[in-house]
Structure formats: C-alpha cells, structure tokens
Amino acid sequence: MAYTLKDNYDALCEKLASRNVDIEWVKNKLKEQRIELPSWAVGNSGTRYGTFSDKGAAVTVWDRIDDCAEIQRCLGITPLMATHVCWDKTEDGNFIPVKEYAAEKGMRLGTLHPNTFSGQQFRYGSMCSPVREVREQTKEHFAECVRIARELNCKTIGMWVADGTNYPGQDVLRERKHRLFEGLNCLCSAMDSDMTLLLEYKPFEPFFYTTDVNDWGMSLLMCEKLGDQAKVLVDLGHHVSGVNVEQIIATLLDEQKLGGFHFNNRRYADDDLILGTVNPLEIFMIYKEITDAGLDGLPTDITYMLDQSHNIENSIEGIIYSVMNIQTAFAKSLIIDRKALSDSQSNNDTVLSNKLVMEAFETDVQPLIETVRLELGLENTNPLANYRNSGYQKKIEATRTAVALTLGGGC
C-alpha cells in the first residue's frame, strides 16, 4: 500500500500528540527559522594545501548572489547572504551595487566579516601584532567596516581574529591580550547602538603555539569586558576532538552571551564539512539547549550562519544538504516530550530521561518538514532534488570559468 505525504504527516501528528507536543507551535518555529548563507562557500574553496576546481563555481560577487538566491528558492529559509569585505564588492570597491543586486534577487546582506588575516601586513597578527603600524591600520579597517555595515544595513559584524604566535618567547602573551581588547574595543566603540559584534574563537591555525582568541572562555571574557553589544560566535569546527559543545552552548545561553553560529561538521578540528554528516546528535543537542532556553524565557536572538569548505562536493548541493540537516535537527529538538522529561529528571530516572531525548532524535520528522515546505510555498518538498532537476547547474557550468578563491593579498 502506497502512503501519501498526508498519511505520513497525520500518523506523525498522532504520535507527537501522545508526547504532549503542540504540532502547530513546532511548524511555526520551523517556518521562522533563518540561516545565513556564506558568500565564500559557493566559490571554489579548499584547504591551505590546495583547491579542486568545480565546474560552474561562482567567480564574481554577482555569481555568489545568484547562487545564494537559487539556494533560497530551493529552501525558503535562507534569505540572507553573509559577506566578507575582501570579496563581496565591485572591482572599484563599491558595496552599494552588491546590496541592490541582492535585493533584486530577493536576498538581503547579513553578517559582515572584517579582514584580520588576508594580507602580508598580518605576518605577526593584526590587532595583536607587536608592530604598532599594523595595529593602527587594523583599527582604521574596523572603522571602515562599520561604515560599510551601516551603508549595507548590516546589524552584525562577525570577527574571527587570526592572530597568534608560533613559538615560545615570540611575544609577550599578556601584552597581546591587552592589544586584543584595545582593538576590539575600538571596533565596538565605532559601532551603532543597534549593531552586535560576534567574536569567534579557534584553538589553532594559522598560528600553532598560541591563538589570541583560542576558546569560548577567551571570547566570553572579551565580550563581557566589551559590554552588551559583544557576544560569542561558536564555530562548530573550532573545537578539539571530544569537546562537549552543547555544554558550552548551555553556559553561553545562561549568561546571555551566545550571539551566533558558524555551522559545519568536524571529525578532528575545523574540517568545515557538511553539517550533519559526522555527528548529527551534536547539532540536535545544541538545538535542544537553545529550545529549552527559549521555553525558560531566556533570550535566543541568535545569528545562524554556515561556514563550510566544499572541496570535493558540489558547493551548492553541499550547502542545501547542510540546511536540510539543520532543519531536521531543529525539528527533532522541538518534539521532545518535555513534560515527561521533566518528570523523569525530577525522579532521577537516568535511563528514561535519556530514552525520552533519544526517542525524539530517532523520530522520522521528514513528513513534518515536507509539510512545512509546502506551506511556505515551495514547489518541491525535497530541496536537493529540486536543485538537481532545475537545470541551474548545467547553466552555470556552461557560462562560468572555474577559478579558485584567492585568500592571499590585501583587501
């Protein structure tokens, strides 16, 4: 007997009703979900050892906007494109035409990312550099980034500080910490009152002895010193193996300092793989903590972005697949029987508490997600199949010349 989507959806709704789940609340949450697309991910990108060119990969900023608009057509929850000051401008350095073209394509520009790594001047760092002239140049760049953000109506500035040292004794570590705060404070002081700084962290690379913002604790420390406009950005790849990321998320939520995400998957660290392909339980548990915090009345105004390197897979398909996995994880986090879970936790019933969480994780929520896609007005409930059947890939392969995204040089 063949089952229709409605049959599967009705059966799922019946199951969820028995778990004290409000299906309309779940659907509304899924419809409200927004994920920012990284402009740089649709071009040819790879590792620092090499890049494999992909046919049809975006070459210009106009290509990147076109690709993000196509992804939005397939998904319906990705109307923003995160930008980088080095790459997302016209040849004469103008950003306004980029904003206008994005609007024509139904897209808005999201988080703006300054440059602290691309350029020969950053040999010893940017704002933490022992070279005063470089630190001053970096501050001037930050002021320019705020001007650009204001011009583009971008309300979030995403900061990855690539600074660090390679050898013991290379620099005075406490002085680098002071320089870090001075530079970030300069940026925050220039920002408008409705702008938010999202401070990323990374345990290593491109420097390997110390990294100036090496973990969530250092990011949190800086954000607390900077004030309410600074919050922590969590890149899921920026952790060494075995770190419990959802515990970090719970702590940042409780401190009201979780500002944003860069979504990707890691096997080791900063692998930038398609989300949900290595550890789908992790992203589910992260969303569980966020959902729980919201239900408890904590603010959950979080910027969700992808940051991935599609080195062997088709970039557009990799991004679509990641967002599909995000939707799945989020949906599963919403259907936990929280009443039963609260009761089992009160009774210290360890086995049942875990079982209730895993029941939600193991539930097939695709009928629910497909129904939401139809209600959002999408023409196809399978975004990946939608893209593959659209003819868009053949068109861009026929009209674009593959080049690698160049990270060297200055902005």
Protein backbone atom coordinates (compact mmCIF):
# COMPACT_ATOMS: atom_id res chain seq x y z
CA MET A 1 0.00 0.00 0.00
CA ALA A 2 1.38 3.39 -1.01
CA TYR A 3 1.30 6.10 1.63
CA THR A 4 0.90 9.78 0.75
CA LEU A 5 2.63 12.67 2.46
CA LYS A 6 -0.66 13.46 4.20
CA ASP A 7 -0.90 9.90 5.52
CA ASN A 8 2.63 10.06 6.93
CA TYR A 9 2.07 13.54 8.34
CA ASP A 10 -1.19 12.54 10.05
CA ALA A 11 0.48 9.46 11.57
CA LEU A 12 3.35 11.57 12.86
CA CYS A 13 0.94 14.15 14.33
CA GLU A 14 -0.87 11.37 16.19
CA LYS A 15 2.41 10.11 17.62
CA LEU A 16 3.51 13.61 18.66
CA ALA A 17 0.16 14.35 20.30
CA SER A 18 0.80 11.40 22.62
CA ARG A 19 4.09 13.09 23.58
CA ASN A 20 2.46 16.38 24.62
CA VAL A 21 3.78 18.15 21.50
CA ASP A 22 1.91 21.14 20.03
CA ILE A 23 2.30 20.48 16.32
CA GLU A 24 1.28 24.00 15.24
CA TRP A 25 3.90 25.50 17.55
CA VAL A 26 6.52 23.22 16.02
CA LYS A 27 5.51 24.17 12.48
CA ASN A 28 5.61 27.88 13.27
CA LYS A 29 9.09 27.53 14.75
CA LEU A 30 10.29 25.75 11.61
CA LYS A 31 8.78 28.45 9.40
CA GLU A 32 10.51 31.18 11.41
CA GLN A 33 13.94 29.54 11.12
CA ARG A 34 16.54 31.58 9.21
CA ILE A 35 20.03 30.50 8.12
CA GLU A 36 22.60 32.88 6.60
CA LEU A 37 24.47 31.62 3.55
CA PRO A 38 28.23 32.29 3.34
CA SER A 39 29.07 34.05 0.09
CA TRP A 40 32.53 32.50 0.07
CA ALA A 41 31.27 28.89 0.21
CA VAL A 42 29.73 28.85 -3.28
CA GLY A 43 33.07 29.59 -4.93
CA ASN A 44 35.98 27.19 -5.28
CA SER A 45 37.38 26.78 -1.78
CA GLY A 46 39.52 24.15 -0.15
CA THR A 47 42.38 23.69 2.27
CA ARG A 48 45.60 25.64 2.57
CA TYR A 49 47.24 22.78 0.66
CA GLY A 50 45.13 23.05 -2.44
CA THR A 51 41.75 23.52 -4.09
CA PHE A 52 39.88 21.34 -6.57
CA SER A 53 38.08 23.48 -9.12
CA ASP A 54 34.38 22.74 -9.52
CA LYS A 55 32.57 23.33 -12.81
CA GLY A 56 30.20 26.25 -12.54
CA ALA A 57 31.54 27.51 -9.21
CA ALA A 58 30.92 31.19 -8.51
CA VAL A 59 33.60 33.53 -9.81
CA THR A 60 32.22 37.03 -9.18
CA VAL A 61 30.16 38.54 -6.39
CA TRP A 62 27.22 38.55 -8.82
CA ASP A 63 27.65 34.79 -9.26
CA ARG A 64 27.66 34.34 -5.49
CA ILE A 65 24.42 36.28 -5.12
CA ASP A 66 22.82 34.29 -7.95
CA ASP A 67 23.83 31.02 -6.29
CA CYS A 68 22.54 32.08 -2.88
CA ALA A 69 19.26 33.16 -4.47
CA GLU A 70 18.96 29.74 -6.10
CA ILE A 71 19.59 28.06 -2.75
CA GLN A 72 16.88 30.25 -1.20
CA ARG A 73 14.49 29.24 -3.98
CA CYS A 74 15.00 25.61 -3.04
CA LEU A 75 14.91 26.03 0.75
CA GLY A 76 12.81 29.07 1.59
CA ILE A 77 14.58 29.81 4.92
CA THR A 78 17.90 31.24 3.67
CA PRO A 79 17.15 34.83 2.56
CA LEU A 80 20.41 36.34 3.85
CA MET A 81 23.95 36.21 2.46
CA ALA A 82 26.82 36.70 4.91
CA THR A 83 29.54 38.84 3.35
CA HIS A 84 33.28 39.43 3.62
CA VAL A 85 34.84 42.84 3.00
CA CYS A 86 37.62 41.34 0.88
CA TRP A 87 35.47 39.56 -1.68
CA ASP A 88 31.92 40.90 -1.79
CA LYS A 89 32.37 44.24 -3.52
CA THR A 90 32.67 45.61 -7.03
CA GLU A 91 36.04 45.94 -8.76
CA ASP A 92 36.18 49.61 -7.75
CA GLY A 93 35.49 48.75 -4.09
CA ASN A 94 31.80 49.72 -4.04
CA PHE A 95 29.31 47.72 -1.95
CA ILE A 96 26.04 49.51 -2.76
CA PRO A 97 25.56 47.83 -6.18
CA VAL A 98 26.04 44.50 -4.40
CA LYS A 99 23.27 45.34 -1.93
CA GLU A 100 20.99 46.46 -4.77
CA TYR A 101 21.62 43.36 -6.87
CA ALA A 102 20.99 41.12 -3.88
CA ALA A 103 17.65 42.87 -3.33
CA GLU A 104 16.73 42.29 -6.97
CA LYS A 105 17.31 38.59 -6.38
CA GLY A 106 15.20 38.56 -3.20
CA MET A 107 18.24 38.41 -0.91
CA ARG A 108 19.49 40.61 1.92
CA LEU A 109 23.06 41.04 3.09
CA GLY A 110 23.64 39.57 6.54
CA THR A 111 26.68 39.47 8.79
CA LEU A 112 29.69 41.48 7.62
CA HIS A 113 33.13 39.96 8.23
CA PRO A 114 36.24 42.19 8.55
CA ASN A 115 39.70 41.10 7.47
CA THR A 116 42.38 40.19 10.01
CA PHE A 117 44.23 37.53 8.02
CA SER A 118 44.45 38.27 4.29
CA GLY A 119 47.49 40.42 3.59
CA GLN A 120 51.25 40.47 4.06
CA GLN A 121 50.95 43.02 6.86
CA PHE A 122 49.40 40.34 9.08
CA ARG A 123 52.56 38.24 9.27
CA TYR A 124 52.68 38.72 13.04
CA GLY A 125 48.98 39.38 13.56
CA SER A 126 46.50 42.21 13.14
CA MET A 127 45.19 43.98 16.24
CA CYS A 128 47.52 41.88 18.45
CA SER A 129 50.58 42.46 16.29
CA PRO A 130 53.72 43.78 18.02
CA VAL A 131 54.01 46.21 15.08
CA ARG A 132 52.18 49.42 16.04
CA GLU A 133 51.59 50.49 12.43
CA VAL A 134 49.75 47.24 11.71
CA ARG A 135 47.56 47.68 14.78
CA GLU A 136 46.67 51.21 13.69
CA GLN A 137 45.89 50.02 10.16
CA THR A 138 43.63 47.35 11.64
CA LYS A 139 41.74 49.93 13.70
CA GLU A 140 41.25 52.06 10.59
CA HIS A 141 39.96 48.97 8.79
CA PHE A 142 37.47 48.34 11.60
CA ALA A 143 36.15 51.89 11.32
CA GLU A 144 35.74 51.37 7.57
CA CYS A 145 33.91 48.09 8.21
CA VAL A 146 31.42 49.85 10.48
CA ARG A 147 30.84 52.43 7.75
CA ILE A 148 30.22 49.65 5.22
CA ALA A 149 27.91 47.80 7.62
CA ARG A 150 25.91 51.00 8.11
CA GLU A 151 25.77 51.50 4.35
CA LEU A 152 24.54 47.96 3.77
CA ASN A 153 22.18 47.94 6.77
CA CYS A 154 24.11 45.01 8.29
CA LYS A 155 23.44 44.72 12.00
CA THR A 156 26.02 42.06 12.89
CA ILE A 157 29.79 42.10 12.43
CA GLY A 158 31.46 38.69 12.61
CA MET A 159 35.01 38.79 13.88
CA TRP A 160 37.48 35.94 13.52
CA VAL A 161 40.82 37.02 14.99
CA ALA A 162 43.50 35.03 13.19
CA ASP A 163 46.28 36.36 15.44
CA GLY A 164 48.66 34.20 17.44
CA THR A 165 52.27 33.03 17.81
CA ASN A 166 54.19 30.01 16.61
CA TYR A 167 56.99 29.76 19.19
CA PRO A 168 57.55 30.15 22.95
CA GLY A 169 59.10 33.53 23.66
CA GLN A 170 57.98 35.01 20.35
CA ASP A 171 55.90 37.71 22.08
CA VAL A 172 54.59 38.75 25.48
CA LEU A 173 51.28 36.94 25.88
CA ARG A 174 49.73 39.31 28.43
CA GLU A 175 50.54 42.27 26.20
CA ARG A 176 48.84 40.50 23.28
CA LYS A 177 45.74 40.15 25.44
CA HIS A 178 45.81 43.89 26.14
CA ARG A 179 46.22 44.69 22.44
CA LEU A 180 43.32 42.36 21.63
CA PHE A 181 40.95 44.21 23.93
CA GLU A 182 42.17 47.59 22.68
CA GLY A 183 41.45 46.61 19.06
CA LEU A 184 38.06 45.05 19.77
CA ASN A 185 37.07 47.99 21.94
CA CYS A 186 37.93 50.32 19.07
CA LEU A 187 35.57 48.36 16.83
CA CYS A 188 32.75 48.22 19.41
CA SER A 189 33.05 51.93 20.14
CA ALA A 190 32.60 52.73 16.44
CA MET A 191 29.51 50.53 16.04
CA ASP A 192 25.96 51.89 16.08
CA SER A 193 23.87 51.06 19.13
CA ASP A 194 21.79 48.50 17.21
CA MET A 195 24.85 46.60 15.91
CA THR A 196 26.26 43.45 17.50
CA LEU A 197 29.84 42.16 17.43
CA LEU A 198 30.08 38.36 17.16
CA LEU A 199 33.51 37.23 18.39
CA GLU A 200 34.64 33.87 17.04
CA TYR A 201 37.33 31.65 18.58
CA LYS A 202 39.66 28.95 17.31
CA PRO A 203 42.15 26.69 19.13
CA PHE A 204 44.82 26.80 16.40
CA GLU A 205 45.62 27.81 12.80
CA PRO A 206 47.09 29.81 11.23
CA PHE A 207 49.32 30.02 14.33
CA PHE A 208 50.19 26.93 16.33
CA TYR A 209 51.74 27.86 19.69
CA THR A 210 49.16 30.37 20.90
CA THR A 211 45.97 31.76 19.41
CA ASP A 212 44.83 35.07 20.84
CA VAL A 213 41.13 34.10 20.93
CA ASN A 214 41.70 30.40 21.47
CA ASP A 215 38.47 29.20 23.07
CA TRP A 216 34.97 30.18 24.19
CA GLY A 217 36.31 31.31 27.55
CA MET A 218 38.58 33.94 25.98
CA SER A 219 35.79 35.06 23.65
CA LEU A 220 33.38 35.30 26.59
CA LEU A 221 35.93 37.21 28.68
CA MET A 222 36.43 39.78 25.92
CA CYS A 223 32.68 40.09 25.29
CA GLU A 224 31.98 40.67 28.98
CA LYS A 225 34.63 43.40 29.07
CA LEU A 226 33.26 44.96 25.86
CA GLY A 227 29.65 45.12 27.06
CA ASP A 228 26.19 44.22 25.82
CA GLN A 229 26.95 44.71 22.11
CA ALA A 230 29.54 41.90 22.04
CA LYS A 231 28.59 38.23 22.05
CA VAL A 232 30.29 34.90 21.40
CA LEU A 233 30.18 33.26 17.98
CA VAL A 234 30.52 29.47 18.05
CA ASP A 235 32.02 27.77 15.00
CA LEU A 236 31.25 24.07 15.43
CA GLY A 237 34.56 23.12 13.80
CA HIS A 238 36.64 25.23 16.16
CA HIS A 239 36.99 22.67 18.93
CA VAL A 240 39.43 19.86 19.55
CA SER A 241 38.03 16.32 19.47
CA GLY A 242 35.86 15.32 22.41
CA VAL A 243 34.75 18.80 23.48
CA ASN A 244 31.11 18.87 24.62
CA VAL A 245 29.87 21.78 22.50
CA GLU A 246 26.29 21.65 23.78
CA GLN A 247 27.53 22.29 27.32
CA ILE A 248 29.32 25.40 26.04
CA ILE A 249 26.08 26.46 24.36
CA ALA A 250 24.08 25.95 27.57
CA THR A 251 26.56 28.09 29.53
CA LEU A 252 26.58 30.91 26.96
CA LEU A 253 22.78 30.89 26.81
CA ASP A 254 22.55 31.11 30.58
CA GLU A 255 24.98 34.05 30.57
CA GLN A 256 23.01 35.62 27.68
CA LYS A 257 26.21 35.83 25.64
CA LEU A 258 25.51 33.41 22.77
CA GLY A 259 25.41 35.57 19.65
CA GLY A 260 25.82 33.32 16.67
CA PHE A 261 26.97 30.14 14.96
CA HIS A 262 29.11 29.06 12.06
CA PHE A 263 27.59 25.70 11.20
CA ASN A 264 29.77 22.87 9.89
CA ASN A 265 30.95 19.42 10.97
CA ARG A 266 34.33 18.24 12.18
CA ARG A 267 35.99 14.89 12.61
CA TYR A 268 39.15 16.38 14.11
CA ALA A 269 39.04 20.21 14.16
CA ASP A 270 37.96 22.89 11.70
CA ASP A 271 37.31 20.35 8.94
CA ASP A 272 34.44 22.56 7.62
CA LEU A 273 32.44 19.53 6.46
CA ILE A 274 28.74 19.37 5.56
CA LEU A 275 26.71 19.72 8.74
CA GLY A 276 25.10 16.52 9.99
CA THR A 277 27.44 14.17 8.15
CA VAL A 278 29.75 13.38 11.07
CA ASN A 279 27.85 13.89 14.31
CA PRO A 280 24.13 14.63 13.80
CA LEU A 281 23.46 14.07 17.51
CA GLU A 282 25.58 17.11 18.38
CA ILE A 283 23.55 19.59 16.33
CA PHE A 284 20.31 18.07 17.71
CA MET A 285 21.55 18.51 21.28
CA ILE A 286 22.67 22.07 20.54
CA TYR A 287 19.19 22.93 19.28
CA LYS A 288 17.70 21.20 22.32
CA GLU A 289 19.62 23.57 24.60
CA ILE A 290 18.50 26.58 22.55
CA THR A 291 14.86 25.44 22.54
CA ASP A 292 14.95 24.75 26.28
CA ALA A 293 16.43 28.19 26.96
CA GLY A 294 13.71 29.86 24.92
CA LEU A 295 10.98 27.95 26.75
CA ASP A 296 12.55 29.07 30.03
CA GLY A 297 12.31 32.71 28.96
CA LEU A 298 15.96 33.32 28.10
CA PRO A 299 16.70 35.46 25.03
CA THR A 300 17.58 33.40 21.96
CA ASP A 301 18.21 36.10 19.37
CA ILE A 302 20.95 34.16 17.62
CA THR A 303 22.52 34.62 14.19
CA TYR A 304 22.81 31.26 12.40
CA MET A 305 25.35 31.05 9.58
CA LEU A 306 27.01 28.31 7.58
CA ASP A 307 30.80 28.35 7.24
CA GLN A 308 31.96 25.40 5.19
CA SER A 309 34.61 24.42 2.69
CA HIS A 310 33.18 22.34 -0.12
CA ASN A 311 36.40 20.97 -1.54
CA ILE A 312 35.28 17.78 -3.32
CA GLU A 313 31.48 18.08 -3.35
CA ASN A 314 29.38 20.49 -5.39
CA SER A 315 29.20 23.65 -3.25
CA ILE A 316 25.55 24.50 -3.82
CA GLU A 317 24.44 20.94 -3.17
CA GLY A 318 26.62 20.78 -0.05
CA ILE A 319 25.03 23.95 1.32
CA ILE A 320 21.49 22.76 0.55
CA TYR A 321 22.21 19.43 2.23
CA SER A 322 23.57 21.20 5.33
CA VAL A 323 20.47 23.35 5.68
CA MET A 324 18.25 20.29 5.26
CA ASN A 325 20.16 18.64 8.10
CA ILE A 326 19.76 21.79 10.20
CA GLN A 327 16.00 21.70 9.66
CA THR A 328 15.90 18.05 10.69
CA ALA A 329 17.90 18.63 13.87
CA PHE A 330 15.81 21.65 14.83
CA ALA A 331 12.54 19.81 14.21
CA LYS A 332 13.67 16.90 16.38
CA SER A 333 14.65 19.26 19.18
CA LEU A 334 11.12 20.69 19.16
CA ILE A 335 9.30 17.35 19.54
CA ILE A 336 10.88 16.16 22.79
CA ASP A 337 8.24 15.21 25.35
CA ARG A 338 9.42 17.86 27.79
CA LYS A 339 6.72 17.17 30.36
CA ALA A 340 7.72 13.52 30.63
CA LEU A 341 11.40 14.51 30.57
CA SER A 342 10.93 16.97 33.43
CA ASP A 343 9.16 14.30 35.46
CA SER A 344 11.88 11.71 34.83
CA GLN A 345 14.62 14.20 35.70
CA SER A 346 12.80 15.07 38.95
CA ASN A 347 12.79 11.36 39.79
CA ASN A 348 16.48 10.99 38.88
CA ASP A 349 15.47 8.39 36.30
CA THR A 350 18.64 8.50 34.24
CA VAL A 351 17.71 5.78 31.75
CA LEU A 352 14.23 7.11 31.00
CA SER A 353 15.50 10.69 30.69
CA ASN A 354 17.99 9.67 28.03
CA LYS A 355 15.42 7.45 26.32
CA LEU A 356 12.95 10.33 26.00
CA VAL A 357 15.58 12.52 24.36
CA MET A 358 16.72 9.74 22.03
CA GLU A 359 13.13 8.95 21.03
CA ALA A 360 12.86 12.44 19.60
CA PHE A 361 16.25 12.15 17.90
CA GLU A 362 15.27 8.83 16.29
CA THR A 363 11.84 10.04 15.10
CA ASP A 364 11.42 10.49 11.34
CA VAL A 365 10.35 14.13 11.09
CA GLN A 366 10.50 14.38 7.30
CA PRO A 367 6.70 14.35 6.82
CA LEU A 368 6.53 17.35 9.15
CA ILE A 369 9.34 19.22 7.39
CA GLU A 370 7.94 18.47 3.93
CA THR A 371 4.53 19.76 5.02
CA VAL A 372 6.15 22.96 6.30
CA ARG A 373 7.92 23.41 2.96
CA LEU A 374 4.63 23.15 1.12
CA GLU A 375 3.03 25.65 3.48
CA LEU A 376 5.97 28.01 2.84
CA GLY A 377 5.09 27.88 -0.85
CA LEU A 378 7.99 25.76 -2.12
CA GLU A 379 7.25 23.91 -5.33
CA ASN A 380 9.15 20.79 -4.25
CA THR A 381 9.39 19.20 -0.80
CA ASN A 382 12.90 17.88 -1.50
CA PRO A 383 15.28 20.87 -1.90
CA LEU A 384 18.18 18.77 -3.17
CA ALA A 385 16.07 17.09 -5.84
CA ASN A 386 14.59 20.49 -6.65
CA TYR A 387 18.06 21.85 -7.38
CA ARG A 388 19.19 18.83 -9.38
CA ASN A 389 16.08 18.96 -11.57
CA SER A 390 16.17 22.73 -12.10
CA GLY A 391 18.83 22.89 -14.81
CA TYR A 392 20.67 25.60 -12.87
CA GLN A 393 23.87 23.55 -12.55
CA LYS A 394 24.06 22.93 -16.30
CA LYS A 395 23.52 26.62 -16.95
CA ILE A 396 26.32 27.83 -14.69
CA GLU A 397 28.71 25.14 -15.94
CA ALA A 398 28.13 26.42 -19.48
CA THR A 399 28.60 30.11 -18.64
CA ARG A 400 31.32 30.28 -15.95
CA THR A 401 35.06 29.68 -15.97
CA ALA A 402 36.28 27.88 -12.86
CA VAL A 403 38.77 29.76 -10.70
CA ALA A 404 39.96 29.28 -7.12
CA LEU A 405 39.00 31.73 -4.41
CA THR A 406 42.16 33.66 -3.59
CA LEU A 407 42.77 34.33 0.09
CA GLY A 408 46.15 35.99 -0.28
CA GLY A 409 46.84 39.67 -0.70
CA GLY A 410 45.16 42.61 0.96
CA CYS A 411 41.65 43.99 0.74
